[in-house]
Amino acid sequence: MKVVIASTGEHLDSQASPVFGRCSHLIVVDVVDGNFENIKAIPNSGINAGGGAGIQTARLVGNEKAEVVISGSVGPNAFEVLKQLEIKAYKMVPGTVEENLTLLSQDKLEELTFPARDNGMGRGGAQRGGR
């Protein structure tokens, strides 16, 4: 299965990212019988987006034809895009990209069945209110 994991870096030994839309990199991996193949790192262009970072990142995941994404949380707009693309989301655990991929292959990660609560930071919310 093709998996994309939100990461803080470019390698399997990088830490998995607790954020989705503004993670620094997306690591794309084919998980085949517990082995990790065709590994590539994609810089996340959504990291500096003024708004819509989650949606932009979800589209990057879709462009990779991923079946699964792993992240700490996924906001409501990005979650909806992933849902429309029929991409399952799983909650990462603190640790490396490789550790999280291993847990996924062992069916030990929790599936995210609802988005992270909107904290007002999505949809350009950080710029609301003029404060």
C-alpha atoms as a PDB file:
ATOM      1  CA  MET A   1       0.000   0.000   0.000  1.00  0.00           C
ATOM      2  CA  LYS A   2       1.150   3.526  -0.695  1.00  0.00           C
ATOM      3  CA  VAL A   3       1.535   5.537   2.510  1.00  0.00           C
ATOM      4  CA  VAL A   4       2.327   9.204   3.050  1.00  0.00           C
ATOM      5  CA  ILE A   5       3.504  10.302   6.479  1.00  0.00           C
ATOM      6  CA  ALA A   6       3.818  13.869   7.732  1.00  0.00           C
ATOM      7  CA  SER A   7       7.415  14.369   8.809  1.00  0.00           C
ATOM      8  CA  THR A   8       9.794  16.894  10.320  1.00  0.00           C
ATOM      9  CA  GLY A   9      12.538  15.872   7.878  1.00  0.00           C
ATOM     10  CA  GLU A  10      13.472  13.963   4.743  1.00  0.00           C
ATOM     11  CA  HIS A  11      14.385  10.518   6.072  1.00  0.00           C
ATOM     12  CA  LEU A  12      12.907   7.447   7.735  1.00  0.00           C
ATOM     13  CA  ASP A  13      14.774   8.373  10.917  1.00  0.00           C
ATOM     14  CA  SER A  14      13.152  11.840  10.963  1.00  0.00           C
ATOM     15  CA  GLN A  15      10.479  12.453  13.557  1.00  0.00           C
ATOM     16  CA  ALA A  16       6.867  11.978  12.503  1.00  0.00           C
ATOM     17  CA  SER A  17       5.047  15.308  12.505  1.00  0.00           C
ATOM     18  CA  PRO A  18       2.204  16.030  14.908  1.00  0.00           C
ATOM     19  CA  VAL A  19       0.802  18.512  12.346  1.00  0.00           C
ATOM     20  CA  PHE A  20      -0.394  17.783   8.837  1.00  0.00           C
ATOM     21  CA  GLY A  21      -0.889  20.951   6.793  1.00  0.00           C
ATOM     22  CA  ARG A  22       2.259  22.648   8.017  1.00  0.00           C
ATOM     23  CA  CYS A  23       4.629  19.682   8.321  1.00  0.00           C
ATOM     24  CA  SER A  24       7.987  20.283   6.659  1.00  0.00           C
ATOM     25  CA  HIS A  25       7.993  17.137   4.501  1.00  0.00           C
ATOM     26  CA  LEU A  26       5.811  14.313   3.300  1.00  0.00           C
ATOM     27  CA  ILE A  27       7.508  10.935   3.143  1.00  0.00           C
ATOM     28  CA  VAL A  28       6.003   8.661   0.492  1.00  0.00           C
ATOM     29  CA  VAL A  29       6.536   4.928   0.967  1.00  0.00           C
ATOM     30  CA  ASP A  30       5.252   1.721  -0.577  1.00  0.00           C
ATOM     31  CA  VAL A  31       4.663  -0.712   2.293  1.00  0.00           C
ATOM     32  CA  VAL A  32       4.920  -4.241   0.907  1.00  0.00           C
ATOM     33  CA  ASP A  33       4.762  -7.186   3.320  1.00  0.00           C
ATOM     34  CA  GLY A  34       6.206  -5.044   6.110  1.00  0.00           C
ATOM     35  CA  ASN A  35       9.050  -3.748   3.912  1.00  0.00           C
ATOM     36  CA  PHE A  36       9.470  -0.096   2.934  1.00  0.00           C
ATOM     37  CA  GLU A  37      10.142   0.488  -0.757  1.00  0.00           C
ATOM     38  CA  ASN A  38      10.296   3.398  -3.231  1.00  0.00           C
ATOM     39  CA  ILE A  39      10.893   5.942  -0.461  1.00  0.00           C
ATOM     40  CA  LYS A  40      10.855   9.611  -1.404  1.00  0.00           C
ATOM     41  CA  ALA A  41      10.608  12.886   0.499  1.00  0.00           C
ATOM     42  CA  ILE A  42       8.540  15.776  -0.802  1.00  0.00           C
ATOM     43  CA  PRO A  43       8.975  19.258   0.692  1.00  0.00           C
ATOM     44  CA  ASN A  44       5.525  20.416   1.801  1.00  0.00           C
ATOM     45  CA  SER A  45       4.643  23.552  -0.134  1.00  0.00           C
ATOM     46  CA  GLY A  46       1.741  24.114   2.303  1.00  0.00           C
ATOM     47  CA  ILE A  47       4.088  24.903   5.190  1.00  0.00           C
ATOM     48  CA  ASN A  48       4.191  28.618   4.332  1.00  0.00           C
ATOM     49  CA  ALA A  49       0.657  28.999   2.963  1.00  0.00           C
ATOM     50  CA  GLY A  50      -1.239  31.995   4.294  1.00  0.00           C
ATOM     51  CA  GLY A  51      -4.357  29.851   4.494  1.00  0.00           C
ATOM     52  CA  GLY A  52      -5.561  26.516   3.223  1.00  0.00           C
ATOM     53  CA  ALA A  53      -2.352  24.695   4.157  1.00  0.00           C
ATOM     54  CA  GLY A  54      -4.220  21.513   5.089  1.00  0.00           C
ATOM     55  CA  ILE A  55      -6.171  21.436   1.849  1.00  0.00           C
ATOM     56  CA  GLN A  56      -3.009  22.046  -0.171  1.00  0.00           C
ATOM     57  CA  THR A  57      -1.188  19.268   1.695  1.00  0.00           C
ATOM     58  CA  ALA A  58      -4.126  16.858   1.291  1.00  0.00           C
ATOM     59  CA  ARG A  59      -4.012  17.483  -2.464  1.00  0.00           C
ATOM     60  CA  LEU A  60      -0.278  16.667  -2.494  1.00  0.00           C
ATOM     61  CA  VAL A  61      -1.112  13.375  -0.770  1.00  0.00           C
ATOM     62  CA  GLY A  62      -3.788  12.716  -3.402  1.00  0.00           C
ATOM     63  CA  ASN A  63      -1.354  13.483  -6.221  1.00  0.00           C
ATOM     64  CA  GLU A  64       0.873  10.690  -4.873  1.00  0.00           C
ATOM     65  CA  LYS A  65      -2.048   8.224  -5.203  1.00  0.00           C
ATOM     66  CA  ALA A  66      -1.720   7.387  -1.506  1.00  0.00           C
ATOM     67  CA  GLU A  67      -4.124   5.018   0.195  1.00  0.00           C
ATOM     68  CA  VAL A  68      -3.129   6.050   3.720  1.00  0.00           C
ATOM     69  CA  VAL A  69      -1.785   9.147   5.456  1.00  0.00           C
ATOM     70  CA  ILE A  70      -0.200   9.232   8.925  1.00  0.00           C
ATOM     71  CA  SER A  71      -0.154  12.438  10.965  1.00  0.00           C
ATOM     72  CA  GLY A  72      -0.737  13.695  14.486  1.00  0.00           C
ATOM     73  CA  SER A  73      -3.926  15.432  13.514  1.00  0.00           C
ATOM     74  CA  VAL A  74      -5.789  16.496  10.393  1.00  0.00           C
ATOM     75  CA  GLY A  75      -7.948  19.612  10.356  1.00  0.00           C
ATOM     76  CA  PRO A  76     -11.555  19.590   9.147  1.00  0.00           C
ATOM     77  CA  ASN A  77     -10.941  20.935   5.639  1.00  0.00           C
ATOM     78  CA  ALA A  78      -8.001  18.641   4.927  1.00  0.00           C
ATOM     79  CA  PHE A  79      -9.924  15.717   6.452  1.00  0.00           C
ATOM     80  CA  GLU A  80     -12.781  16.351   4.027  1.00  0.00           C
ATOM     81  CA  VAL A  81     -10.409  16.378   1.038  1.00  0.00           C
ATOM     82  CA  LEU A  82      -8.816  13.106   2.174  1.00  0.00           C
ATOM     83  CA  LYS A  83     -12.269  11.590   2.674  1.00  0.00           C
ATOM     84  CA  GLN A  84     -13.329  12.616  -0.856  1.00  0.00           C
ATOM     85  CA  LEU A  85     -10.134  11.042  -2.213  1.00  0.00           C
ATOM     86  CA  GLU A  86     -10.841   7.863  -0.178  1.00  0.00           C
ATOM     87  CA  ILE A  87      -7.549   8.171   1.707  1.00  0.00           C
ATOM     88  CA  LYS A  88      -7.586   6.788   5.251  1.00  0.00           C
ATOM     89  CA  ALA A  89      -5.885   8.796   7.981  1.00  0.00           C
ATOM     90  CA  TYR A  90      -4.067   7.281  10.954  1.00  0.00           C
ATOM     91  CA  LYS A  91      -2.811   8.989  14.103  1.00  0.00           C
ATOM     92  CA  MET A  92       0.959   8.987  14.492  1.00  0.00           C
ATOM     93  CA  VAL A  93       2.645   8.210  17.773  1.00  0.00           C
ATOM     94  CA  PRO A  94       5.687  10.157  18.970  1.00  0.00           C
ATOM     95  CA  GLY A  95       8.709   8.673  17.256  1.00  0.00           C
ATOM     96  CA  THR A  96      10.324   8.344  13.872  1.00  0.00           C
ATOM     97  CA  VAL A  97       8.738   7.945  10.474  1.00  0.00           C
ATOM     98  CA  GLU A  98      10.061   4.383  10.348  1.00  0.00           C
ATOM     99  CA  GLU A  99       8.605   3.501  13.756  1.00  0.00           C
ATOM    100  CA  ASN A 100       5.190   4.763  12.675  1.00  0.00           C
ATOM    101  CA  LEU A 101       5.342   2.869   9.377  1.00  0.00           C
ATOM    102  CA  THR A 102       6.214  -0.304  11.289  1.00  0.00           C
ATOM    103  CA  LEU A 103       3.261   0.216  13.641  1.00  0.00           C
ATOM    104  CA  LEU A 104       0.961   0.798  10.661  1.00  0.00           C
ATOM    105  CA  SER A 105       2.142  -2.412   9.000  1.00  0.00           C
ATOM    106  CA  GLN A 106       1.411  -4.218  12.293  1.00  0.00           C
ATOM    107  CA  ASP A 107      -2.087  -2.652  12.398  1.00  0.00           C
ATOM    108  CA  LYS A 108      -1.201  -0.828  15.641  1.00  0.00           C
ATOM    109  CA  LEU A 109      -2.049   2.774  14.705  1.00  0.00           C
ATOM    110  CA  GLU A 110      -5.426   4.313  15.462  1.00  0.00           C
ATOM    111  CA  GLU A 111      -7.510   5.342  12.453  1.00  0.00           C
ATOM    112  CA  LEU A 112      -8.681   8.946  12.554  1.00  0.00           C
ATOM    113  CA  THR A 113     -12.432   8.822  11.978  1.00  0.00           C
ATOM    114  CA  PHE A 114     -13.079  12.510  12.569  1.00  0.00           C
ATOM    115  CA  PRO A 115     -11.025  15.684  12.034  1.00  0.00           C
ATOM    116  CA  ALA A 116      -9.162  17.630  14.652  1.00  0.00           C
ATOM    117  CA  ARG A 117     -11.307  20.280  16.235  1.00  0.00           C
ATOM    118  CA  ASP A 118     -11.130  23.619  14.431  1.00  0.00           C
ATOM    119  CA  ASN A 119      -9.139  25.924  16.708  1.00  0.00           C
ATOM    120  CA  GLY A 120      -9.662  29.012  14.573  1.00  0.00           C
ATOM    121  CA  MET A 121      -6.201  28.670  13.045  1.00  0.00           C
ATOM    122  CA  GLY A 122      -7.487  26.987   9.884  1.00  0.00           C
ATOM    123  CA  ARG A 123      -9.084  28.820   6.984  1.00  0.00           C
ATOM    124  CA  GLY A 124      -6.809  31.801   7.513  1.00  0.00           C
ATOM    125  CA  GLY A 125      -8.078  32.161  11.106  1.00  0.00           C
ATOM    126  CA  ALA A 126      -4.720  33.337  12.409  1.00  0.00           C
ATOM    127  CA  GLN A 127      -5.343  36.631  10.640  1.00  0.00           C
ATOM    128  CA  ARG A 128      -8.884  37.225  11.911  1.00  0.00           C
ATOM    129  CA  GLY A 129      -9.805  39.912  14.367  1.00  0.00           C
ATOM    130  CA  GLY A 130      -6.937  42.311  13.693  1.00  0.00           C
ATOM    131  CA  ARG A 131      -5.416  41.747  17.117  1.00  0.00           C
END
